Amino acid sequence: MNIFKKSLFTASVVASSLVSSTAFAADAPTGIAAAIAAGQANVGLVTAGVVAVSALGFGLTMIVSWLRK
């Protein structure tokens, strides 16, 4: 009887892992697409931040140089 319980447990583990791996494989493309979209949004934010900081630094440098004249 113990061997039967072990084989039943093994069969149930194999079946559940197949079901979960199939569900994960179906969801992978949507997860990848979401990660790409989030990455593109982050690149846009970083680019805008770098431009804003450099413009602010340039503007402050110009104001300080004009005030020293």
Protein backbone atom coordinates (compact mmCIF):
# COMPACT_ATOMS: atom_id res chain seq x y z
CA MET A 1 0.00 0.00 0.00
CA ASN A 2 2.89 2.38 0.72
CA ILE A 3 4.23 2.04 -2.85
CA PHE A 4 0.79 2.92 -4.22
CA LYS A 5 0.67 6.10 -2.13
CA LYS A 6 4.15 7.11 -3.29
CA SER A 7 3.34 6.59 -6.95
CA LEU A 8 0.07 8.49 -6.57
CA PHE A 9 1.91 11.37 -4.92
CA THR A 10 4.56 11.36 -7.67
CA ALA A 11 1.89 11.35 -10.37
CA SER A 12 0.08 14.27 -8.76
CA VAL A 13 3.32 16.28 -8.45
CA VAL A 14 4.17 15.65 -12.10
CA ALA A 15 0.66 16.59 -13.23
CA SER A 16 0.63 19.81 -11.20
CA SER A 17 4.06 20.82 -12.47
CA LEU A 18 2.96 20.28 -16.07
CA VAL A 19 -0.12 22.43 -15.54
CA SER A 20 1.85 25.22 -13.86
CA SER A 21 4.59 25.20 -16.49
CA THR A 22 1.98 25.41 -19.27
CA ALA A 23 0.31 28.37 -17.55
CA PHE A 24 3.67 30.09 -17.12
CA ALA A 25 4.60 29.53 -20.77
CA ALA A 26 1.33 31.10 -21.88
CA ASP A 27 1.90 34.16 -19.67
CA ALA A 28 5.56 34.73 -20.59
CA PRO A 29 5.02 36.83 -23.76
CA THR A 30 2.71 39.25 -21.96
CA GLY A 31 5.23 39.60 -19.13
CA ILE A 32 8.02 40.30 -21.61
CA ALA A 33 5.90 42.88 -23.43
CA ALA A 34 5.10 44.61 -20.13
CA ALA A 35 8.79 44.68 -19.17
CA ILE A 36 9.72 46.21 -22.53
CA ALA A 37 7.07 48.90 -22.18
CA ALA A 38 8.22 49.73 -18.65
CA GLY A 39 11.84 49.91 -19.82
CA GLN A 40 10.96 52.28 -22.65
CA ALA A 41 9.07 54.51 -20.23
CA ASN A 42 12.06 54.57 -17.88
CA VAL A 43 14.41 55.52 -20.72
CA GLY A 44 12.12 58.42 -21.61
CA LEU A 45 12.04 59.65 -18.03
CA VAL A 46 15.81 59.44 -17.64
CA THR A 47 16.38 61.29 -20.91
CA ALA A 48 14.03 64.07 -19.88
CA GLY A 49 15.70 64.28 -16.47
CA VAL A 50 19.20 64.57 -17.96
CA VAL A 51 18.09 67.30 -20.36
CA ALA A 52 16.36 69.21 -17.57
CA VAL A 53 19.36 69.02 -15.22
CA SER A 54 21.78 70.11 -17.93
CA ALA A 55 19.53 73.00 -18.96
CA LEU A 56 19.22 74.08 -15.35
CA GLY A 57 22.98 73.92 -14.85
CA PHE A 58 23.64 75.86 -18.05
CA GLY A 59 21.03 78.47 -17.11
CA LEU A 60 22.45 78.98 -13.62
CA THR A 61 25.97 79.28 -15.03
CA MET A 62 24.81 81.94 -17.49
CA ILE A 63 22.98 83.89 -14.78
CA VAL A 64 25.99 83.81 -12.46
CA SER A 65 28.33 84.94 -15.26
CA TRP A 66 26.01 87.82 -16.17
CA LEU A 67 25.78 88.92 -12.54
CA ARG A 68 29.59 88.99 -12.20
CA LYS A 69 29.98 91.44 -15.09
